[in-house]
Amino acid sequence: MTEGVNRLEVYKKFLSTMSKEEYKDYIKTKYYGMEDTVTESTRITAVGGGKREDHFYTWERIYHFSCGNCKNWWSYATEEEREIQIHNMKSRKMTCPHCGHYTKIQPNPKFMEKS
């Protein structure tokens, strides 16, 4: 077995020994301080005086990855221009945030068949 698979099995065994309450506490501890790191918009704030403001938006391209080692998935969002993204993604390596496996990335052939 590879080191990543061993770590995944140990992690699964660790999780399987927890009660529901222990798991909730574990997740709170694991993600402590990260509540606002993704959107930074968990609060509703009223604009004073009843004045209505326009909504603002941005756009991004989202890449979804699945690890060739542990099979977990994650996403990567970017605002870079399309040409820059394609060049950077084809020549890039990434580390799986779940098991630490580091390797090059490539398009999923099953997805490419659908396109």
C-alpha atoms as a PDB file:
ATOM      1  CA  MET A   1       0.000   0.000   0.000  1.00  0.00           C
ATOM      2  CA  THR A   2       1.107   3.541  -0.650  1.00  0.00           C
ATOM      3  CA  GLU A   3       1.662   5.986   2.180  1.00  0.00           C
ATOM      4  CA  GLY A   4      -1.429   8.019   1.178  1.00  0.00           C
ATOM      5  CA  VAL A   5      -3.683   4.953   1.261  1.00  0.00           C
ATOM      6  CA  ASN A   6      -2.278   3.989   4.679  1.00  0.00           C
ATOM      7  CA  ARG A   7      -3.006   7.484   6.008  1.00  0.00           C
ATOM      8  CA  LEU A   8      -6.524   7.341   4.572  1.00  0.00           C
ATOM      9  CA  GLU A   9      -7.216   3.994   6.251  1.00  0.00           C
ATOM     10  CA  VAL A  10      -5.911   5.285   9.598  1.00  0.00           C
ATOM     11  CA  TYR A  11      -8.082   8.392   9.207  1.00  0.00           C
ATOM     12  CA  LYS A  12     -11.196   6.311   8.392  1.00  0.00           C
ATOM     13  CA  LYS A  13     -10.563   4.109  11.421  1.00  0.00           C
ATOM     14  CA  PHE A  14     -10.099   7.218  13.584  1.00  0.00           C
ATOM     15  CA  LEU A  15     -13.422   8.680  12.379  1.00  0.00           C
ATOM     16  CA  SER A  16     -15.310   5.389  12.824  1.00  0.00           C
ATOM     17  CA  THR A  17     -14.528   5.328  16.556  1.00  0.00           C
ATOM     18  CA  MET A  18     -16.228   8.696  17.202  1.00  0.00           C
ATOM     19  CA  SER A  19     -19.737   9.288  18.429  1.00  0.00           C
ATOM     20  CA  LYS A  20     -21.843  11.854  16.584  1.00  0.00           C
ATOM     21  CA  GLU A  21     -21.098  14.479  19.255  1.00  0.00           C
ATOM     22  CA  GLU A  22     -17.364  13.732  19.201  1.00  0.00           C
ATOM     23  CA  TYR A  23     -17.371  14.088  15.411  1.00  0.00           C
ATOM     24  CA  LYS A  24     -19.148  17.472  15.634  1.00  0.00           C
ATOM     25  CA  ASP A  25     -16.516  18.661  18.136  1.00  0.00           C
ATOM     26  CA  TYR A  26     -13.733  17.316  15.904  1.00  0.00           C
ATOM     27  CA  ILE A  27     -15.068  19.238  12.869  1.00  0.00           C
ATOM     28  CA  LYS A  28     -15.458  22.439  14.926  1.00  0.00           C
ATOM     29  CA  THR A  29     -11.835  22.118  16.046  1.00  0.00           C
ATOM     30  CA  LYS A  30     -10.511  21.156  12.600  1.00  0.00           C
ATOM     31  CA  TYR A  31     -12.098  24.167  10.909  1.00  0.00           C
ATOM     32  CA  TYR A  32     -11.824  26.639  13.805  1.00  0.00           C
ATOM     33  CA  GLY A  33     -11.073  30.126  12.560  1.00  0.00           C
ATOM     34  CA  MET A  34     -11.930  29.290   8.946  1.00  0.00           C
ATOM     35  CA  GLU A  35     -15.592  30.297   9.095  1.00  0.00           C
ATOM     36  CA  ASP A  36     -15.197  33.390   6.911  1.00  0.00           C
ATOM     37  CA  THR A  37     -12.253  32.396   4.749  1.00  0.00           C
ATOM     38  CA  VAL A  38     -14.196  31.326   1.654  1.00  0.00           C
ATOM     39  CA  THR A  39     -16.875  33.949   1.105  1.00  0.00           C
ATOM     40  CA  GLU A  40     -16.314  36.415   3.924  1.00  0.00           C
ATOM     41  CA  SER A  41     -20.046  37.135   3.749  1.00  0.00           C
ATOM     42  CA  THR A  42     -21.680  35.387   6.686  1.00  0.00           C
ATOM     43  CA  ARG A  43     -23.272  38.570   8.082  1.00  0.00           C
ATOM     44  CA  ILE A  44     -26.205  40.619   6.806  1.00  0.00           C
ATOM     45  CA  THR A  45     -25.548  44.325   7.036  1.00  0.00           C
ATOM     46  CA  ALA A  46     -28.236  46.935   6.397  1.00  0.00           C
ATOM     47  CA  VAL A  47     -27.302  50.129   4.611  1.00  0.00           C
ATOM     48  CA  GLY A  48     -28.201  53.133   6.782  1.00  0.00           C
ATOM     49  CA  GLY A  49     -31.027  55.526   5.842  1.00  0.00           C
ATOM     50  CA  GLY A  50     -32.949  53.036   3.746  1.00  0.00           C
ATOM     51  CA  LYS A  51     -30.863  53.841   0.661  1.00  0.00           C
ATOM     52  CA  ARG A  52     -30.836  50.986  -1.843  1.00  0.00           C
ATOM     53  CA  GLU A  53     -27.482  50.009  -3.282  1.00  0.00           C
ATOM     54  CA  ASP A  54     -26.792  48.011  -6.433  1.00  0.00           C
ATOM     55  CA  HIS A  55     -25.652  44.413  -6.158  1.00  0.00           C
ATOM     56  CA  PHE A  56     -22.061  43.827  -7.237  1.00  0.00           C
ATOM     57  CA  TYR A  57     -20.729  40.676  -8.817  1.00  0.00           C
ATOM     58  CA  THR A  58     -17.511  39.093  -9.929  1.00  0.00           C
ATOM     59  CA  TRP A  59     -16.912  35.996 -11.992  1.00  0.00           C
ATOM     60  CA  GLU A  60     -14.489  33.145 -11.823  1.00  0.00           C
ATOM     61  CA  ARG A  61     -13.630  29.843 -13.410  1.00  0.00           C
ATOM     62  CA  ILE A  62     -13.854  26.845 -11.076  1.00  0.00           C
ATOM     63  CA  TYR A  63     -11.777  23.706 -11.562  1.00  0.00           C
ATOM     64  CA  HIS A  64     -12.792  20.517  -9.754  1.00  0.00           C
ATOM     65  CA  PHE A  65     -10.052  17.983  -8.990  1.00  0.00           C
ATOM     66  CA  SER A  66     -10.177  14.387  -7.825  1.00  0.00           C
ATOM     67  CA  CYS A  67      -7.050  12.848  -6.317  1.00  0.00           C
ATOM     68  CA  GLY A  68      -5.547   9.929  -8.194  1.00  0.00           C
ATOM     69  CA  ASN A  69      -4.387   8.519  -4.860  1.00  0.00           C
ATOM     70  CA  CYS A  70      -7.112   8.902  -2.211  1.00  0.00           C
ATOM     71  CA  LYS A  71     -10.001   9.698  -4.642  1.00  0.00           C
ATOM     72  CA  ASN A  72     -11.188  12.695  -2.547  1.00  0.00           C
ATOM     73  CA  TRP A  73     -12.055  15.898  -4.410  1.00  0.00           C
ATOM     74  CA  TRP A  74     -11.506  19.639  -4.062  1.00  0.00           C
ATOM     75  CA  SER A  75     -12.064  22.768  -6.155  1.00  0.00           C
ATOM     76  CA  TYR A  76      -9.863  25.651  -7.279  1.00  0.00           C
ATOM     77  CA  ALA A  77     -11.354  28.967  -8.419  1.00  0.00           C
ATOM     78  CA  THR A  78      -9.520  31.664 -10.355  1.00  0.00           C
ATOM     79  CA  GLU A  79     -10.263  34.973 -12.081  1.00  0.00           C
ATOM     80  CA  GLU A  80      -7.363  34.667 -14.564  1.00  0.00           C
ATOM     81  CA  GLU A  81      -8.006  35.074 -18.269  1.00  0.00           C
ATOM     82  CA  ARG A  82      -8.855  31.890 -20.167  1.00  0.00           C
ATOM     83  CA  GLU A  83      -5.606  31.702 -22.183  1.00  0.00           C
ATOM     84  CA  ILE A  84      -3.460  32.113 -19.074  1.00  0.00           C
ATOM     85  CA  GLN A  85      -5.507  29.499 -17.182  1.00  0.00           C
ATOM     86  CA  ILE A  86      -5.210  26.857 -19.875  1.00  0.00           C
ATOM     87  CA  HIS A  87      -1.434  27.295 -20.140  1.00  0.00           C
ATOM     88  CA  ASN A  88      -0.940  27.296 -16.354  1.00  0.00           C
ATOM     89  CA  MET A  89      -3.196  24.309 -15.730  1.00  0.00           C
ATOM     90  CA  LYS A  90      -1.612  22.091 -18.399  1.00  0.00           C
ATOM     91  CA  SER A  91       1.916  22.574 -17.046  1.00  0.00           C
ATOM     92  CA  ARG A  92       1.059  22.531 -13.360  1.00  0.00           C
ATOM     93  CA  LYS A  93       1.417  20.123 -10.472  1.00  0.00           C
ATOM     94  CA  MET A  94      -0.787  20.188  -7.383  1.00  0.00           C
ATOM     95  CA  THR A  95      -0.850  18.657  -3.927  1.00  0.00           C
ATOM     96  CA  CYS A  96      -4.015  16.921  -2.732  1.00  0.00           C
ATOM     97  CA  PRO A  97      -5.231  18.804   0.347  1.00  0.00           C
ATOM     98  CA  HIS A  98      -6.549  15.525   1.809  1.00  0.00           C
ATOM     99  CA  CYS A  99      -3.667  13.048   1.536  1.00  0.00           C
ATOM    100  CA  GLY A 100      -0.717  15.179   0.387  1.00  0.00           C
ATOM    101  CA  HIS A 101      -0.165  13.320  -2.926  1.00  0.00           C
ATOM    102  CA  TYR A 102       1.792  15.637  -5.302  1.00  0.00           C
ATOM    103  CA  THR A 103       1.586  15.078  -9.048  1.00  0.00           C
ATOM    104  CA  LYS A 104       0.773  16.749 -12.361  1.00  0.00           C
ATOM    105  CA  ILE A 105      -2.830  17.559 -13.229  1.00  0.00           C
ATOM    106  CA  GLN A 106      -4.683  16.677 -16.406  1.00  0.00           C
ATOM    107  CA  PRO A 107      -8.260  16.960 -17.725  1.00  0.00           C
ATOM    108  CA  ASN A 108     -10.621  14.126 -16.844  1.00  0.00           C
ATOM    109  CA  PRO A 109     -11.039  12.120 -20.087  1.00  0.00           C
ATOM    110  CA  LYS A 110     -14.668  11.267 -19.229  1.00  0.00           C
ATOM    111  CA  PHE A 111     -15.498  14.976 -18.957  1.00  0.00           C
ATOM    112  CA  MET A 112     -13.662  15.759 -22.207  1.00  0.00           C
ATOM    113  CA  GLU A 113     -15.838  13.152 -24.031  1.00  0.00           C
ATOM    114  CA  LYS A 114     -18.976  15.062 -22.979  1.00  0.00           C
ATOM    115  CA  SER A 115     -17.672  18.460 -24.126  1.00  0.00           C
END
